[in-house]
């Protein structure tokens, strides 16, 4: 099974996901969104068209960007600023999990 964790090296939730799979000896590929942001097609595949569900409303990028007080396209903002993405995003042949959720991750393995 090919498993991909999309996140950043400094993200605590991404670290939890890495540890979760490492503890179970499951191989994964870590994709740093700062180095390789998601494409429009990947973002659509992950979001199923509901881009707002991918916005990390508690992120520094969200608060400093003033998103609470302006009108914006979540799709465009996520493409331009990957720091707005909830991380980790875990993809496998069995599905996609957004954020660290051990119960949902167990369903992927």
C-alpha atoms as a PDB file:
ATOM      1  CA  UNK A   1       0.000   0.000   0.000  1.00  0.00           C
ATOM      2  CA  UNK A   2       1.377   3.402  -1.011  1.00  0.00           C
ATOM      3  CA  UNK A   3       0.700   5.952   1.709  1.00  0.00           C
ATOM      4  CA  UNK A   4       1.389   9.669   1.472  1.00  0.00           C
ATOM      5  CA  UNK A   5       1.452  12.178   4.309  1.00  0.00           C
ATOM      6  CA  UNK A   6       1.103  15.775   3.169  1.00  0.00           C
ATOM      7  CA  UNK A   7       2.248  18.297   5.745  1.00  0.00           C
ATOM      8  CA  UNK A   8       5.195  20.250   7.047  1.00  0.00           C
ATOM      9  CA  UNK A   9       8.195  19.162   9.116  1.00  0.00           C
ATOM     10  CA  UNK A  10       7.307  21.567  11.948  1.00  0.00           C
ATOM     11  CA  UNK A  11       3.642  20.503  12.215  1.00  0.00           C
ATOM     12  CA  UNK A  12       2.900  18.581  15.427  1.00  0.00           C
ATOM     13  CA  UNK A  13      -0.098  16.818  13.890  1.00  0.00           C
ATOM     14  CA  UNK A  14       2.016  15.687  10.935  1.00  0.00           C
ATOM     15  CA  UNK A  15       4.599  14.351  13.404  1.00  0.00           C
ATOM     16  CA  UNK A  16       1.814  12.369  15.132  1.00  0.00           C
ATOM     17  CA  UNK A  17       0.806  10.825  11.807  1.00  0.00           C
ATOM     18  CA  UNK A  18       4.413   9.910  11.006  1.00  0.00           C
ATOM     19  CA  UNK A  19       4.795   8.302  14.422  1.00  0.00           C
ATOM     20  CA  UNK A  20       1.448   6.484  14.037  1.00  0.00           C
ATOM     21  CA  UNK A  21       2.574   4.786  10.825  1.00  0.00           C
ATOM     22  CA  UNK A  22       6.183   4.274  11.917  1.00  0.00           C
ATOM     23  CA  UNK A  23       5.033   2.515  15.100  1.00  0.00           C
ATOM     24  CA  UNK A  24       3.037   0.132  12.920  1.00  0.00           C
ATOM     25  CA  UNK A  25       5.956  -0.343  10.498  1.00  0.00           C
ATOM     26  CA  UNK A  26       3.928   1.079   7.620  1.00  0.00           C
ATOM     27  CA  UNK A  27       5.963   2.786   4.926  1.00  0.00           C
ATOM     28  CA  UNK A  28       4.909   6.257   3.888  1.00  0.00           C
ATOM     29  CA  UNK A  29       6.133   9.135   1.800  1.00  0.00           C
ATOM     30  CA  UNK A  30       6.194  12.587   3.427  1.00  0.00           C
ATOM     31  CA  UNK A  31       5.415  15.460   1.110  1.00  0.00           C
ATOM     32  CA  UNK A  32       6.409  18.864   2.443  1.00  0.00           C
ATOM     33  CA  UNK A  33       3.808  21.308   1.115  1.00  0.00           C
ATOM     34  CA  UNK A  34       6.278  24.158   1.562  1.00  0.00           C
ATOM     35  CA  UNK A  35       8.568  22.533  -1.006  1.00  0.00           C
ATOM     36  CA  UNK A  36       5.921  20.994  -3.262  1.00  0.00           C
ATOM     37  CA  UNK A  37       2.492  22.625  -2.898  1.00  0.00           C
ATOM     38  CA  UNK A  38      -0.653  20.863  -4.050  1.00  0.00           C
ATOM     39  CA  UNK A  39      -1.768  21.323  -7.635  1.00  0.00           C
ATOM     40  CA  UNK A  40      -5.286  22.467  -8.477  1.00  0.00           C
ATOM     41  CA  UNK A  41      -6.183  18.894  -9.503  1.00  0.00           C
ATOM     42  CA  UNK A  42      -4.821  17.413  -6.250  1.00  0.00           C
ATOM     43  CA  UNK A  43      -6.665  20.011  -4.201  1.00  0.00           C
ATOM     44  CA  UNK A  44      -9.919  19.173  -5.975  1.00  0.00           C
ATOM     45  CA  UNK A  45      -9.326  15.437  -5.437  1.00  0.00           C
ATOM     46  CA  UNK A  46      -8.742  15.942  -1.712  1.00  0.00           C
ATOM     47  CA  UNK A  47     -11.533  18.447  -1.118  1.00  0.00           C
ATOM     48  CA  UNK A  48     -14.179  16.965  -3.432  1.00  0.00           C
ATOM     49  CA  UNK A  49     -15.013  20.609  -4.208  1.00  0.00           C
ATOM     50  CA  UNK A  50     -15.493  21.657  -0.569  1.00  0.00           C
ATOM     51  CA  UNK A  51     -12.337  23.756  -0.210  1.00  0.00           C
ATOM     52  CA  UNK A  52     -13.482  25.449   3.006  1.00  0.00           C
ATOM     53  CA  UNK A  53     -13.107  22.133   4.887  1.00  0.00           C
ATOM     54  CA  UNK A  54      -9.361  22.259   4.161  1.00  0.00           C
ATOM     55  CA  UNK A  55      -8.753  25.696   5.669  1.00  0.00           C
ATOM     56  CA  UNK A  56      -6.962  25.649   9.008  1.00  0.00           C
ATOM     57  CA  UNK A  57      -8.912  28.387  10.776  1.00  0.00           C
ATOM     58  CA  UNK A  58      -6.581  28.198  13.776  1.00  0.00           C
ATOM     59  CA  UNK A  59      -3.393  28.662  11.746  1.00  0.00           C
ATOM     60  CA  UNK A  60      -1.095  31.633  12.018  1.00  0.00           C
ATOM     61  CA  UNK A  61      -1.422  32.152   8.259  1.00  0.00           C
ATOM     62  CA  UNK A  62      -5.206  32.433   8.576  1.00  0.00           C
ATOM     63  CA  UNK A  63      -5.200  34.894  11.460  1.00  0.00           C
ATOM     64  CA  UNK A  64      -2.369  37.025  10.105  1.00  0.00           C
ATOM     65  CA  UNK A  65      -3.968  37.051   6.643  1.00  0.00           C
ATOM     66  CA  UNK A  66      -7.128  38.637   8.044  1.00  0.00           C
ATOM     67  CA  UNK A  67      -9.349  35.980   6.490  1.00  0.00           C
ATOM     68  CA  UNK A  68     -12.030  36.512   9.142  1.00  0.00           C
ATOM     69  CA  UNK A  69     -12.658  39.977   7.738  1.00  0.00           C
ATOM     70  CA  UNK A  70     -12.529  39.539   3.985  1.00  0.00           C
ATOM     71  CA  UNK A  71     -14.142  37.739   1.099  1.00  0.00           C
ATOM     72  CA  UNK A  72     -11.925  35.181  -0.596  1.00  0.00           C
ATOM     73  CA  UNK A  73     -11.921  31.996  -2.624  1.00  0.00           C
ATOM     74  CA  UNK A  74     -10.736  29.137  -0.408  1.00  0.00           C
ATOM     75  CA  UNK A  75      -9.502  27.262  -3.488  1.00  0.00           C
ATOM     76  CA  UNK A  76      -7.348  30.144  -4.710  1.00  0.00           C
ATOM     77  CA  UNK A  77      -6.001  30.947  -1.259  1.00  0.00           C
ATOM     78  CA  UNK A  78      -5.025  27.315  -0.617  1.00  0.00           C
ATOM     79  CA  UNK A  79      -3.189  27.209  -3.944  1.00  0.00           C
ATOM     80  CA  UNK A  80      -1.359  30.476  -3.239  1.00  0.00           C
ATOM     81  CA  UNK A  81      -0.659  29.874   0.450  1.00  0.00           C
ATOM     82  CA  UNK A  82      -0.171  26.198   1.434  1.00  0.00           C
ATOM     83  CA  UNK A  83       0.206  27.223   5.097  1.00  0.00           C
ATOM     84  CA  UNK A  84      -3.598  27.572   5.182  1.00  0.00           C
ATOM     85  CA  UNK A  85      -4.074  23.822   4.645  1.00  0.00           C
ATOM     86  CA  UNK A  86      -5.090  21.624   7.569  1.00  0.00           C
ATOM     87  CA  UNK A  87      -2.262  19.167   8.018  1.00  0.00           C
ATOM     88  CA  UNK A  88      -1.641  16.369   7.797  1.00  0.00           C
ATOM     89  CA  UNK A  89      -3.551  15.142   4.782  1.00  0.00           C
ATOM     90  CA  UNK A  90      -3.069  11.389   4.482  1.00  0.00           C
ATOM     91  CA  UNK A  91      -3.770   9.697   1.157  1.00  0.00           C
ATOM     92  CA  UNK A  92      -3.827   6.002   0.369  1.00  0.00           C
ATOM     93  CA  UNK A  93      -5.563   3.696  -2.058  1.00  0.00           C
ATOM     94  CA  UNK A  94      -8.307   3.285   0.577  1.00  0.00           C
ATOM     95  CA  UNK A  95      -9.097   6.979   0.989  1.00  0.00           C
ATOM     96  CA  UNK A  96      -8.122  10.369   2.343  1.00  0.00           C
ATOM     97  CA  UNK A  97      -7.975  11.566   5.944  1.00  0.00           C
ATOM     98  CA  UNK A  98      -7.728  15.284   6.690  1.00  0.00           C
ATOM     99  CA  UNK A  99      -6.065  16.065  10.010  1.00  0.00           C
ATOM    100  CA  UNK A 100      -4.777  13.583  12.563  1.00  0.00           C
ATOM    101  CA  UNK A 101      -7.535  11.176  13.593  1.00  0.00           C
ATOM    102  CA  UNK A 102      -6.206   7.810  14.798  1.00  0.00           C
ATOM    103  CA  UNK A 103      -9.584   6.058  14.362  1.00  0.00           C
ATOM    104  CA  UNK A 104      -9.811   7.138  10.730  1.00  0.00           C
ATOM    105  CA  UNK A 105      -6.157   6.313  10.142  1.00  0.00           C
ATOM    106  CA  UNK A 106      -6.744   2.767  11.401  1.00  0.00           C
ATOM    107  CA  UNK A 107      -9.373   2.412   8.666  1.00  0.00           C
ATOM    108  CA  UNK A 108      -6.711   3.195   6.061  1.00  0.00           C
ATOM    109  CA  UNK A 109      -4.462   0.331   7.126  1.00  0.00           C
END
